[in-house]
Amino acid sequence: MHVLDSKLSDLVLKTIAIEMGEIHLFEEIGIIEFKEGADLSIKNTLDLVHYIQMQFGLNKPFALISNRVNSYALRPLDSRKVKLQFPNLKGYGVVATNSAARLGAEIENDFCTAHEIIYSDLCDAFYALKDRVTRSAS
């Protein structure tokens, strides 16, 4: 389910269209929905990094969710480089509702190895990560 079609839609502060998809920004969470067939690399996600840093800076704790409503490719070595751009990232989750999305999520697990990152429900992922961010700030 897309963010704007979910129960979370009323909580969205801002939605930004980028070349690779959309970023939905909340107070402590960013949810990314990549376009079908996107091939993500460090070079073509610079706008993504920019908008996330504009929203959360380098100090405010936050979490990211990849809502895998579409199939996309992620370069594992580049994901490590992107991760370094967010020293204040406290959690990462992937919403995967089918087996192909779950397989992709396993690759994305490189982003956050300390916690389970795969969720089958967008709202569950949102509130679990919101809680993680809140606990990290106290």
N, C-alpha and C. Protein backbone atom coordinates (compact mmCIF):
# COMPACT_ATOMS: atom_id res chain seq x y z
N MET A 1 0.84 -1.18 0.00
CA MET A 1 0.00 0.00 0.00
C MET A 1 0.89 1.25 0.00
N HIS A 2 0.57 2.20 -0.86
CA HIS A 2 1.30 3.46 -0.91
C HIS A 2 1.01 4.29 0.33
N VAL A 3 1.96 5.10 0.74
CA VAL A 3 1.82 5.94 1.93
C VAL A 3 0.56 6.80 1.84
N LEU A 4 0.36 7.44 0.70
CA LEU A 4 -0.76 8.37 0.58
C LEU A 4 -2.12 7.67 0.52
N ASP A 5 -2.11 6.35 0.40
CA ASP A 5 -3.34 5.56 0.44
C ASP A 5 -3.52 4.88 1.79
N SER A 6 -2.63 5.15 2.72
CA SER A 6 -2.64 4.47 4.02
C SER A 6 -3.19 5.38 5.12
N LYS A 7 -3.30 4.80 6.31
CA LYS A 7 -3.73 5.56 7.48
C LYS A 7 -2.70 6.61 7.90
N LEU A 8 -1.49 6.52 7.36
CA LEU A 8 -0.43 7.47 7.69
C LEU A 8 -0.52 8.76 6.87
N SER A 9 -1.37 8.79 5.87
CA SER A 9 -1.40 9.92 4.94
C SER A 9 -1.63 11.27 5.64
N ASP A 10 -2.44 11.28 6.69
CA ASP A 10 -2.71 12.53 7.41
C ASP A 10 -1.52 13.03 8.21
N LEU A 11 -0.54 12.16 8.45
CA LEU A 11 0.64 12.53 9.24
C LEU A 11 1.80 13.04 8.38
N VAL A 12 1.68 12.91 7.06
CA VAL A 12 2.75 13.34 6.16
C VAL A 12 2.91 14.86 6.23
N LEU A 13 4.14 15.31 6.50
CA LEU A 13 4.41 16.74 6.53
C LEU A 13 4.68 17.28 5.13
N LYS A 14 5.36 16.44 4.33
CA LYS A 14 5.77 16.87 3.00
C LYS A 14 6.05 15.65 2.15
N THR A 15 5.65 15.72 0.88
CA THR A 15 6.00 14.68 -0.10
C THR A 15 6.83 15.34 -1.19
N ILE A 16 7.96 14.75 -1.49
CA ILE A 16 8.87 15.31 -2.48
C ILE A 16 9.08 14.28 -3.59
N ALA A 17 8.84 14.70 -4.83
CA ALA A 17 9.10 13.84 -5.98
C ALA A 17 10.57 13.98 -6.36
N ILE A 18 11.24 12.84 -6.48
CA ILE A 18 12.63 12.82 -6.93
C ILE A 18 12.71 11.94 -8.17
N GLU A 19 13.84 11.94 -8.82
CA GLU A 19 14.01 11.16 -10.05
C GLU A 19 13.68 9.68 -9.85
N MET A 20 14.04 9.13 -8.72
CA MET A 20 13.88 7.70 -8.47
C MET A 20 12.56 7.33 -7.80
N GLY A 21 11.73 8.33 -7.44
CA GLY A 21 10.47 8.01 -6.78
C GLY A 21 9.95 9.16 -5.94
N GLU A 22 9.49 8.85 -4.72
CA GLU A 22 8.96 9.86 -3.82
C GLU A 22 9.49 9.64 -2.40
N ILE A 23 9.66 10.76 -1.71
CA ILE A 23 10.02 10.73 -0.29
C ILE A 23 8.85 11.35 0.47
N HIS A 24 8.35 10.64 1.46
CA HIS A 24 7.29 11.16 2.32
C HIS A 24 7.93 11.45 3.67
N LEU A 25 7.89 12.71 4.07
CA LEU A 25 8.58 13.12 5.29
C LEU A 25 7.59 13.35 6.42
N PHE A 26 7.94 12.81 7.57
CA PHE A 26 7.17 12.92 8.81
C PHE A 26 8.08 13.60 9.83
N GLU A 27 7.59 13.76 11.04
CA GLU A 27 8.38 14.42 12.09
C GLU A 27 9.70 13.70 12.35
N GLU A 28 9.66 12.37 12.47
CA GLU A 28 10.87 11.60 12.82
C GLU A 28 11.17 10.49 11.83
N ILE A 29 10.40 10.41 10.76
CA ILE A 29 10.49 9.28 9.83
C ILE A 29 10.48 9.80 8.39
N GLY A 30 11.24 9.13 7.54
CA GLY A 30 11.15 9.36 6.11
C GLY A 30 10.77 8.03 5.46
N ILE A 31 9.77 8.05 4.61
CA ILE A 31 9.36 6.84 3.89
C ILE A 31 9.63 7.07 2.41
N ILE A 32 10.37 6.15 1.82
CA ILE A 32 10.76 6.26 0.42
C ILE A 32 10.02 5.21 -0.38
N GLU A 33 9.45 5.64 -1.50
CA GLU A 33 8.80 4.74 -2.44
C GLU A 33 9.48 4.92 -3.78
N PHE A 34 10.33 3.97 -4.14
CA PHE A 34 11.07 4.06 -5.39
C PHE A 34 10.19 3.63 -6.55
N LYS A 35 10.50 4.15 -7.73
CA LYS A 35 9.77 3.81 -8.95
C LYS A 35 10.08 2.38 -9.37
N GLU A 36 9.15 1.78 -10.09
CA GLU A 36 9.34 0.45 -10.65
C GLU A 36 10.59 0.43 -11.52
N GLY A 37 11.46 -0.55 -11.25
CA GLY A 37 12.66 -0.75 -12.07
C GLY A 37 13.81 0.20 -11.76
N ALA A 38 13.68 1.04 -10.75
CA ALA A 38 14.77 1.97 -10.41
C ALA A 38 16.04 1.17 -10.11
N ASP A 39 17.16 1.69 -10.56
CA ASP A 39 18.47 1.09 -10.32
C ASP A 39 19.24 2.08 -9.45
N LEU A 40 19.25 1.84 -8.16
CA LEU A 40 19.77 2.81 -7.20
C LEU A 40 21.28 2.70 -7.03
N SER A 41 21.93 3.85 -7.10
CA SER A 41 23.37 3.92 -6.88
C SER A 41 23.67 5.18 -6.09
N ILE A 42 24.88 5.32 -5.63
CA ILE A 42 25.26 6.52 -4.87
C ILE A 42 25.09 7.77 -5.73
N LYS A 43 25.33 7.64 -7.03
CA LYS A 43 25.26 8.81 -7.92
C LYS A 43 23.83 9.29 -8.15
N ASN A 44 22.89 8.36 -8.30
CA ASN A 44 21.54 8.82 -8.62
C ASN A 44 20.63 8.96 -7.39
N THR A 45 21.20 8.88 -6.21
CA THR A 45 20.41 9.12 -5.00
C THR A 45 20.88 10.37 -4.25
N LEU A 46 21.67 11.20 -4.91
CA LEU A 46 22.16 12.42 -4.26
C LEU A 46 21.00 13.34 -3.85
N ASP A 47 19.96 13.42 -4.69
CA ASP A 47 18.82 14.26 -4.34
C ASP A 47 18.09 13.69 -3.12
N LEU A 48 18.00 12.39 -3.03
CA LEU A 48 17.40 11.73 -1.88
C LEU A 48 18.15 12.11 -0.60
N VAL A 49 19.47 11.97 -0.63
CA VAL A 49 20.31 12.32 0.52
C VAL A 49 20.10 13.79 0.88
N HIS A 50 20.09 14.65 -0.12
CA HIS A 50 19.93 16.09 0.12
C HIS A 50 18.62 16.39 0.87
N TYR A 51 17.51 15.88 0.36
CA TYR A 51 16.21 16.19 0.98
C TYR A 51 16.09 15.59 2.39
N ILE A 52 16.65 14.43 2.60
CA ILE A 52 16.60 13.83 3.94
C ILE A 52 17.45 14.64 4.91
N GLN A 53 18.63 15.07 4.45
CA GLN A 53 19.46 15.91 5.32
C GLN A 53 18.82 17.27 5.58
N MET A 54 18.11 17.80 4.60
CA MET A 54 17.40 19.07 4.80
C MET A 54 16.31 18.93 5.87
N GLN A 55 15.65 17.79 5.89
CA GLN A 55 14.57 17.56 6.86
C GLN A 55 15.10 17.27 8.26
N PHE A 56 16.11 16.42 8.36
CA PHE A 56 16.54 15.94 9.67
C PHE A 56 17.91 16.47 10.10
N GLY A 57 18.64 17.12 9.22
CA GLY A 57 19.97 17.61 9.56
C GLY A 57 20.92 16.45 9.83
N LEU A 58 21.95 16.74 10.60
CA LEU A 58 22.93 15.71 10.93
C LEU A 58 22.87 15.32 12.41
N ASN A 59 21.95 15.92 13.15
CA ASN A 59 21.86 15.65 14.59
C ASN A 59 20.53 15.10 15.06
N LYS A 60 19.44 15.47 14.41
CA LYS A 60 18.11 15.04 14.84
C LYS A 60 17.93 13.55 14.56
N PRO A 61 17.64 12.74 15.57
CA PRO A 61 17.42 11.31 15.35
C PRO A 61 16.22 11.06 14.43
N PHE A 62 16.36 10.11 13.52
CA PHE A 62 15.29 9.77 12.60
C PHE A 62 15.46 8.34 12.12
N ALA A 63 14.45 7.86 11.42
CA ALA A 63 14.49 6.52 10.82
C ALA A 63 13.98 6.61 9.39
N LEU A 64 14.39 5.66 8.58
CA LEU A 64 13.95 5.56 7.19
C LEU A 64 13.22 4.25 6.97
N ILE A 65 12.23 4.31 6.11
CA ILE A 65 11.50 3.12 5.70
C ILE A 65 11.49 3.09 4.17
N SER A 66 11.85 1.96 3.62
CA SER A 66 11.69 1.73 2.20
C SER A 66 10.40 0.95 2.02
N ASN A 67 9.41 1.60 1.42
CA ASN A 67 8.12 0.96 1.19
C ASN A 67 8.19 0.32 -0.20
N ARG A 68 8.44 -0.97 -0.26
CA ARG A 68 8.68 -1.67 -1.53
C ARG A 68 7.37 -1.98 -2.25
N VAL A 69 6.70 -0.91 -2.69
CA VAL A 69 5.49 -1.08 -3.49
C VAL A 69 5.84 -1.40 -4.94
N ASN A 70 7.08 -1.15 -5.31
CA ASN A 70 7.60 -1.45 -6.64
C ASN A 70 8.90 -2.24 -6.49
N SER A 71 9.30 -2.88 -7.57
CA SER A 71 10.55 -3.62 -7.59
C SER A 71 11.67 -2.69 -8.04
N TYR A 72 12.78 -2.71 -7.33
CA TYR A 72 13.93 -1.88 -7.70
C TYR A 72 15.21 -2.58 -7.33
N ALA A 73 16.31 -2.11 -7.90
CA ALA A 73 17.62 -2.71 -7.63
C ALA A 73 18.44 -1.76 -6.77
N LEU A 74 19.14 -2.34 -5.81
CA LEU A 74 19.99 -1.59 -4.89
C LEU A 74 21.38 -2.17 -4.95
N ARG A 75 22.36 -1.33 -5.12
CA ARG A 75 23.75 -1.78 -5.15
C ARG A 75 24.28 -1.85 -3.72
N PRO A 76 24.55 -3.05 -3.21
CA PRO A 76 24.92 -3.21 -1.81
C PRO A 76 26.14 -2.38 -1.38
N LEU A 77 27.13 -2.26 -2.22
CA LEU A 77 28.30 -1.47 -1.83
C LEU A 77 27.97 0.01 -1.72
N ASP A 78 27.06 0.47 -2.56
CA ASP A 78 26.65 1.87 -2.48
C ASP A 78 25.79 2.14 -1.25
N SER A 79 25.04 1.14 -0.80
CA SER A 79 24.18 1.36 0.38
C SER A 79 25.02 1.70 1.60
N ARG A 80 26.20 1.13 1.69
CA ARG A 80 27.10 1.47 2.81
C ARG A 80 27.53 2.93 2.73
N LYS A 81 27.80 3.42 1.52
CA LYS A 81 28.21 4.82 1.34
C LYS A 81 27.07 5.76 1.69
N VAL A 82 25.86 5.40 1.29
CA VAL A 82 24.70 6.24 1.60
C VAL A 82 24.50 6.28 3.11
N LYS A 83 24.65 5.15 3.77
CA LYS A 83 24.48 5.06 5.22
C LYS A 83 25.40 6.05 5.95
N LEU A 84 26.59 6.23 5.45
CA LEU A 84 27.55 7.14 6.09
C LEU A 84 27.09 8.60 6.03
N GLN A 85 26.18 8.92 5.14
CA GLN A 85 25.66 10.28 5.02
C GLN A 85 24.70 10.64 6.15
N PHE A 86 24.28 9.64 6.94
CA PHE A 86 23.26 9.85 7.96
C PHE A 86 23.75 9.38 9.34
N PRO A 87 24.61 10.16 10.00
CA PRO A 87 25.11 9.74 11.32
C PRO A 87 24.01 9.69 12.38
N ASN A 88 22.88 10.32 12.14
CA ASN A 88 21.78 10.37 13.10
C ASN A 88 20.66 9.38 12.76
N LEU A 89 20.92 8.47 11.84
CA LEU A 89 19.93 7.44 11.48
C LEU A 89 19.86 6.41 12.61
N LYS A 90 18.69 6.27 13.21
CA LYS A 90 18.52 5.38 14.36
C LYS A 90 17.79 4.09 14.02
N GLY A 91 17.24 4.02 12.82
CA GLY A 91 16.54 2.80 12.44
C GLY A 91 16.25 2.80 10.96
N TYR A 92 16.10 1.60 10.43
CA TYR A 92 15.79 1.43 9.02
C TYR A 92 14.87 0.23 8.88
N GLY A 93 13.87 0.37 8.06
CA GLY A 93 12.95 -0.73 7.84
C GLY A 93 12.56 -0.85 6.39
N VAL A 94 12.17 -2.04 6.01
CA VAL A 94 11.70 -2.30 4.66
C VAL A 94 10.33 -2.96 4.78
N VAL A 95 9.35 -2.39 4.10
CA VAL A 95 8.03 -2.99 4.05
C VAL A 95 7.98 -3.84 2.78
N ALA A 96 7.85 -5.14 2.98
CA ALA A 96 7.85 -6.10 1.88
C ALA A 96 6.64 -7.01 2.02
N THR A 97 5.78 -6.98 1.03
CA THR A 97 4.54 -7.75 1.12
C THR A 97 4.51 -8.98 0.24
N ASN A 98 5.59 -9.25 -0.48
CA ASN A 98 5.66 -10.48 -1.28
C ASN A 98 7.08 -11.04 -1.24
N SER A 99 7.27 -12.24 -1.77
CA SER A 99 8.56 -12.91 -1.64
C SER A 99 9.67 -12.19 -2.40
N ALA A 100 9.37 -11.61 -3.56
CA ALA A 100 10.40 -10.88 -4.31
C ALA A 100 10.85 -9.65 -3.52
N ALA A 101 9.91 -8.95 -2.91
CA ALA A 101 10.26 -7.77 -2.11
C ALA A 101 11.06 -8.19 -0.87
N ARG A 102 10.72 -9.33 -0.28
CA ARG A 102 11.46 -9.81 0.89
C ARG A 102 12.91 -10.14 0.53
N LEU A 103 13.11 -10.72 -0.65
CA LEU A 103 14.46 -11.04 -1.10
C LEU A 103 15.27 -9.75 -1.25
N GLY A 104 14.68 -8.73 -1.85
CA GLY A 104 15.35 -7.44 -1.95
C GLY A 104 15.64 -6.84 -0.59
N ALA A 105 14.72 -7.05 0.34
CA ALA A 105 14.89 -6.52 1.69
C ALA A 105 16.08 -7.17 2.40
N GLU A 106 16.32 -8.43 2.10
CA GLU A 106 17.48 -9.10 2.70
C GLU A 106 18.77 -8.40 2.30
N ILE A 107 18.84 -7.93 1.06
CA ILE A 107 20.01 -7.19 0.60
C ILE A 107 20.10 -5.86 1.34
N GLU A 108 18.96 -5.22 1.52
CA GLU A 108 18.93 -3.94 2.22
C GLU A 108 19.28 -4.08 3.70
N ASN A 109 19.24 -5.29 4.22
CA ASN A 109 19.57 -5.52 5.62
C ASN A 109 20.96 -5.00 5.96
N ASP A 110 21.80 -4.83 4.96
CA ASP A 110 23.13 -4.27 5.17
C ASP A 110 23.03 -2.87 5.78
N PHE A 111 21.90 -2.19 5.58
CA PHE A 111 21.70 -0.83 6.05
C PHE A 111 21.62 -0.77 7.58
N CYS A 112 21.05 -1.79 8.18
CA CYS A 112 20.84 -1.78 9.63
C CYS A 112 20.89 -3.22 10.13
N THR A 113 22.00 -3.60 10.70
CA THR A 113 22.17 -4.99 11.08
C THR A 113 21.80 -5.27 12.54
N ALA A 114 21.54 -4.24 13.32
CA ALA A 114 21.29 -4.44 14.74
C ALA A 114 19.86 -4.89 15.05
N HIS A 115 18.94 -4.68 14.14
CA HIS A 115 17.53 -4.98 14.39
C HIS A 115 16.91 -5.65 13.18
N GLU A 116 15.82 -6.32 13.41
CA GLU A 116 15.02 -6.86 12.31
C GLU A 116 14.49 -5.68 11.50
N ILE A 117 14.63 -5.73 10.21
CA ILE A 117 14.22 -4.59 9.41
C ILE A 117 13.04 -4.87 8.50
N ILE A 118 12.64 -6.10 8.34
CA ILE A 118 11.60 -6.43 7.37
C ILE A 118 10.24 -6.47 8.06
N TYR A 119 9.31 -5.71 7.51
CA TYR A 119 7.95 -5.64 8.02
C TYR A 119 6.99 -5.99 6.89
N SER A 120 5.84 -6.52 7.22
CA SER A 120 4.84 -6.81 6.21
C SER A 120 3.74 -5.76 6.17
N ASP A 121 3.76 -4.83 7.13
CA ASP A 121 2.72 -3.81 7.21
C ASP A 121 3.36 -2.43 7.40
N LEU A 122 2.95 -1.47 6.59
CA LEU A 122 3.53 -0.13 6.63
C LEU A 122 3.33 0.55 7.98
N CYS A 123 2.14 0.48 8.53
CA CYS A 123 1.87 1.12 9.83
C CYS A 123 2.69 0.48 10.95
N ASP A 124 2.82 -0.84 10.92
CA ASP A 124 3.65 -1.53 11.93
C ASP A 124 5.08 -1.03 11.86
N ALA A 125 5.61 -0.93 10.64
CA ALA A 125 6.99 -0.44 10.47
C ALA A 125 7.11 0.99 10.98
N PHE A 126 6.17 1.84 10.62
CA PHE A 126 6.21 3.24 11.03
C PHE A 126 6.27 3.38 12.54
N TYR A 127 5.34 2.72 13.24
CA TYR A 127 5.27 2.89 14.69
C TYR A 127 6.43 2.19 15.42
N ALA A 128 6.91 1.08 14.90
CA ALA A 128 8.07 0.42 15.51
C ALA A 128 9.31 1.30 15.40
N LEU A 129 9.50 1.90 14.24
CA LEU A 129 10.67 2.75 14.05
C LEU A 129 10.52 4.09 14.76
N LYS A 130 9.32 4.60 14.83
CA LYS A 130 9.08 5.84 15.59
C LYS A 130 9.43 5.61 17.05
N ASP A 131 9.06 4.45 17.59
CA ASP A 131 9.39 4.10 18.96
C ASP A 131 10.92 4.00 19.14
N ARG A 132 11.59 3.40 18.18
CA ARG A 132 13.05 3.27 18.25
C ARG A 132 13.72 4.63 18.27
N VAL A 133 13.23 5.56 17.44
CA VAL A 133 13.79 6.91 17.41
C VAL A 133 13.55 7.61 18.75
N THR A 134 12.34 7.49 19.27
CA THR A 134 12.00 8.11 20.56
C THR A 134 12.90 7.58 21.68
N ARG A 135 13.09 6.26 21.70
CA ARG A 135 13.94 5.67 22.75
C ARG A 135 15.40 6.10 22.60
N SER A 136 15.86 6.31 21.38
CA SER A 136 17.26 6.70 21.16
C SER A 136 17.52 8.12 21.63
N ALA A 137 16.46 8.95 21.64
CA ALA A 137 16.60 10.35 22.03
C ALA A 137 16.57 10.54 23.54
N SER A 138 16.13 9.51 24.27
CA SER A 138 16.02 9.69 25.74
C SER A 138 17.18 9.08 26.47
